[in-house]
Amino acid sequence: MKKILIVEDDTILNKTLSYNLVSEGYETASAYSCAMARDLLKGCFHLALLDVNLPDGSGYDYLRWIRERSQLPVLILT
């Protein structure tokens, strides 16, 4: 099963994305901040959905952090 990391601080949007992806057969993990996403990225994911504006930093900075560690595909949501 494909696993998707959702990094979005808007709780309703995060849960809606997760619900829709799960209903299509994907497994999801939700993060609401950069710090939370860093902790979750220790797991294996096939894709990350990334918001640009997060409460503890920029999604672009988090993307640079990801790129230093992996080639995980990322879709940026704004």
N, C-alpha and C. Protein backbone atom coordinates (compact mmCIF):
# COMPACT_ATOMS: atom_id res chain seq x y z
N MET A 1 0.84 -1.17 0.00
CA MET A 1 0.00 0.00 0.00
C MET A 1 0.89 1.24 0.00
N LYS A 2 0.55 2.22 -0.82
CA LYS A 2 1.30 3.48 -0.89
C LYS A 2 0.98 4.34 0.32
N LYS A 3 2.03 4.93 0.90
CA LYS A 3 1.88 5.75 2.10
C LYS A 3 2.22 7.20 1.78
N ILE A 4 1.32 8.12 2.16
CA ILE A 4 1.47 9.54 1.86
C ILE A 4 1.55 10.34 3.15
N LEU A 5 2.55 11.22 3.22
CA LEU A 5 2.70 12.14 4.35
C LEU A 5 2.01 13.45 3.99
N ILE A 6 1.08 13.88 4.83
CA ILE A 6 0.37 15.14 4.63
C ILE A 6 0.90 16.14 5.66
N VAL A 7 1.50 17.22 5.17
CA VAL A 7 2.04 18.26 6.05
C VAL A 7 1.21 19.52 5.80
N GLU A 8 0.23 19.74 6.65
CA GLU A 8 -0.73 20.83 6.49
C GLU A 8 -1.22 21.22 7.88
N ASP A 9 -1.08 22.51 8.24
CA ASP A 9 -1.46 22.94 9.59
C ASP A 9 -2.96 23.20 9.75
N ASP A 10 -3.68 23.37 8.66
CA ASP A 10 -5.13 23.54 8.72
C ASP A 10 -5.74 22.17 9.01
N THR A 11 -6.25 22.00 10.20
CA THR A 11 -6.75 20.70 10.65
C THR A 11 -7.83 20.14 9.74
N ILE A 12 -8.77 20.97 9.36
CA ILE A 12 -9.88 20.49 8.52
C ILE A 12 -9.36 20.04 7.16
N LEU A 13 -8.49 20.84 6.55
CA LEU A 13 -7.93 20.47 5.24
C LEU A 13 -7.09 19.20 5.35
N ASN A 14 -6.29 19.10 6.40
CA ASN A 14 -5.45 17.91 6.61
C ASN A 14 -6.33 16.67 6.72
N LYS A 15 -7.35 16.74 7.54
CA LYS A 15 -8.23 15.58 7.74
C LYS A 15 -9.03 15.25 6.47
N THR A 16 -9.43 16.28 5.72
CA THR A 16 -10.17 16.05 4.48
C THR A 16 -9.28 15.36 3.44
N LEU A 17 -8.05 15.84 3.29
CA LEU A 17 -7.11 15.20 2.38
C LEU A 17 -6.89 13.74 2.79
N SER A 18 -6.67 13.53 4.06
CA SER A 18 -6.43 12.18 4.56
C SER A 18 -7.64 11.27 4.29
N TYR A 19 -8.81 11.75 4.60
CA TYR A 19 -10.04 10.97 4.39
C TYR A 19 -10.17 10.56 2.93
N ASN A 20 -9.99 11.51 2.03
CA ASN A 20 -10.15 11.22 0.61
C ASN A 20 -9.08 10.26 0.10
N LEU A 21 -7.86 10.41 0.56
CA LEU A 21 -6.79 9.50 0.14
C LEU A 21 -7.01 8.09 0.68
N VAL A 22 -7.41 7.98 1.93
CA VAL A 22 -7.69 6.67 2.53
C VAL A 22 -8.84 6.00 1.79
N SER A 23 -9.86 6.77 1.42
CA SER A 23 -11.00 6.18 0.71
C SER A 23 -10.60 5.69 -0.68
N GLU A 24 -9.46 6.16 -1.20
CA GLU A 24 -8.95 5.69 -2.49
C GLU A 24 -7.91 4.58 -2.33
N GLY A 25 -7.69 4.15 -1.08
CA GLY A 25 -6.80 3.01 -0.85
C GLY A 25 -5.39 3.34 -0.42
N TYR A 26 -5.11 4.60 -0.12
CA TYR A 26 -3.78 4.99 0.34
C TYR A 26 -3.72 4.98 1.87
N GLU A 27 -2.53 4.83 2.40
CA GLU A 27 -2.30 4.98 3.83
C GLU A 27 -1.75 6.39 4.01
N THR A 28 -2.16 7.09 5.06
CA THR A 28 -1.69 8.45 5.28
C THR A 28 -1.15 8.63 6.69
N ALA A 29 -0.30 9.63 6.83
CA ALA A 29 0.15 10.11 8.14
C ALA A 29 0.06 11.63 8.08
N SER A 30 -0.42 12.24 9.14
CA SER A 30 -0.62 13.69 9.15
C SER A 30 0.35 14.38 10.08
N ALA A 31 0.89 15.49 9.58
CA ALA A 31 1.74 16.37 10.39
C ALA A 31 1.16 17.78 10.28
N TYR A 32 1.23 18.52 11.37
CA TYR A 32 0.66 19.86 11.41
C TYR A 32 1.74 20.94 11.57
N SER A 33 3.01 20.52 11.53
CA SER A 33 4.13 21.46 11.65
C SER A 33 5.37 20.81 11.04
N CYS A 34 6.41 21.63 10.82
CA CYS A 34 7.68 21.10 10.30
C CYS A 34 8.29 20.10 11.27
N ALA A 35 8.26 20.44 12.55
CA ALA A 35 8.86 19.56 13.56
C ALA A 35 8.17 18.19 13.57
N MET A 36 6.87 18.20 13.51
CA MET A 36 6.11 16.95 13.49
C MET A 36 6.44 16.16 12.22
N ALA A 37 6.55 16.85 11.10
CA ALA A 37 6.85 16.20 9.83
C ALA A 37 8.25 15.58 9.84
N ARG A 38 9.22 16.27 10.46
CA ARG A 38 10.57 15.71 10.55
C ARG A 38 10.56 14.39 11.32
N ASP A 39 9.81 14.35 12.39
CA ASP A 39 9.71 13.11 13.18
C ASP A 39 9.06 11.99 12.38
N LEU A 40 8.00 12.32 11.65
CA LEU A 40 7.28 11.30 10.88
C LEU A 40 8.07 10.81 9.67
N LEU A 41 8.94 11.64 9.13
CA LEU A 41 9.66 11.26 7.91
C LEU A 41 10.67 10.15 8.17
N LYS A 42 10.86 9.78 9.42
CA LYS A 42 11.73 8.63 9.72
C LYS A 42 11.12 7.34 9.15
N GLY A 43 9.83 7.35 8.90
CA GLY A 43 9.15 6.20 8.30
C GLY A 43 9.32 6.21 6.80
N CYS A 44 8.74 5.22 6.15
CA CYS A 44 8.83 5.09 4.70
C CYS A 44 7.57 5.67 4.05
N PHE A 45 7.75 6.66 3.19
CA PHE A 45 6.63 7.28 2.46
C PHE A 45 6.91 7.23 0.97
N HIS A 46 5.85 7.24 0.19
CA HIS A 46 5.96 7.25 -1.26
C HIS A 46 5.74 8.64 -1.84
N LEU A 47 5.13 9.55 -1.04
CA LEU A 47 4.81 10.90 -1.49
C LEU A 47 4.57 11.78 -0.28
N ALA A 48 4.90 13.07 -0.40
CA ALA A 48 4.55 14.05 0.63
C ALA A 48 3.72 15.15 -0.01
N LEU A 49 2.64 15.53 0.66
CA LEU A 49 1.86 16.71 0.29
C LEU A 49 2.24 17.79 1.29
N LEU A 50 2.74 18.91 0.81
CA LEU A 50 3.38 19.90 1.67
C LEU A 50 2.76 21.28 1.51
N ASP A 51 2.33 21.86 2.61
CA ASP A 51 1.85 23.24 2.65
C ASP A 51 3.06 24.16 2.71
N VAL A 52 2.94 25.36 2.17
CA VAL A 52 4.05 26.31 2.20
C VAL A 52 4.12 27.04 3.54
N ASN A 53 2.99 27.46 4.07
CA ASN A 53 2.96 28.23 5.32
C ASN A 53 2.63 27.31 6.48
N LEU A 54 3.63 27.07 7.32
CA LEU A 54 3.45 26.22 8.49
C LEU A 54 3.76 27.04 9.74
N PRO A 55 3.23 26.67 10.89
CA PRO A 55 3.38 27.50 12.08
C PRO A 55 4.82 27.63 12.58
N ASP A 56 5.67 26.68 12.27
CA ASP A 56 7.04 26.74 12.79
C ASP A 56 8.09 26.84 11.69
N GLY A 57 7.69 27.27 10.50
CA GLY A 57 8.66 27.44 9.43
C GLY A 57 8.02 27.38 8.06
N SER A 58 8.85 27.55 7.07
CA SER A 58 8.40 27.54 5.69
C SER A 58 8.42 26.12 5.13
N GLY A 59 7.42 25.82 4.34
CA GLY A 59 7.40 24.54 3.65
C GLY A 59 8.58 24.39 2.70
N TYR A 60 9.06 25.52 2.15
CA TYR A 60 10.23 25.47 1.28
C TYR A 60 11.48 25.05 2.05
N ASP A 61 11.61 25.53 3.28
CA ASP A 61 12.74 25.11 4.12
C ASP A 61 12.65 23.62 4.44
N TYR A 62 11.44 23.17 4.71
CA TYR A 62 11.25 21.75 4.98
C TYR A 62 11.57 20.92 3.75
N LEU A 63 11.19 21.41 2.57
CA LEU A 63 11.51 20.71 1.34
C LEU A 63 13.03 20.60 1.15
N ARG A 64 13.76 21.66 1.44
CA ARG A 64 15.23 21.60 1.36
C ARG A 64 15.76 20.54 2.34
N TRP A 65 15.18 20.47 3.53
CA TRP A 65 15.58 19.49 4.53
C TRP A 65 15.33 18.07 3.99
N ILE A 66 14.18 17.86 3.35
CA ILE A 66 13.88 16.55 2.75
C ILE A 66 14.91 16.22 1.69
N ARG A 67 15.19 17.17 0.79
CA ARG A 67 16.11 16.92 -0.32
C ARG A 67 17.53 16.58 0.14
N GLU A 68 17.92 17.03 1.31
CA GLU A 68 19.23 16.67 1.86
C GLU A 68 19.27 15.20 2.27
N ARG A 69 18.09 14.58 2.41
CA ARG A 69 18.01 13.21 2.93
C ARG A 69 17.45 12.19 1.94
N SER A 70 16.64 12.64 1.00
CA SER A 70 15.99 11.67 0.11
C SER A 70 15.50 12.34 -1.18
N GLN A 71 14.99 11.53 -2.06
CA GLN A 71 14.38 12.01 -3.29
C GLN A 71 12.86 11.75 -3.26
N LEU A 72 12.28 11.80 -2.07
CA LEU A 72 10.84 11.62 -1.90
C LEU A 72 10.08 12.59 -2.80
N PRO A 73 9.15 12.11 -3.62
CA PRO A 73 8.33 13.03 -4.42
C PRO A 73 7.49 13.91 -3.49
N VAL A 74 7.41 15.20 -3.84
CA VAL A 74 6.68 16.17 -3.03
C VAL A 74 5.76 16.99 -3.92
N LEU A 75 4.50 17.14 -3.50
CA LEU A 75 3.56 18.07 -4.12
C LEU A 75 3.36 19.21 -3.13
N ILE A 76 3.54 20.43 -3.60
CA ILE A 76 3.36 21.58 -2.72
C ILE A 76 1.94 22.13 -2.91
N LEU A 77 1.24 22.28 -1.78
CA LEU A 77 -0.12 22.85 -1.77
C LEU A 77 -0.04 24.26 -1.21
N THR A 78 -0.66 25.22 -1.89
CA THR A 78 -0.66 26.58 -1.35
C THR A 78 -2.07 27.12 -1.35
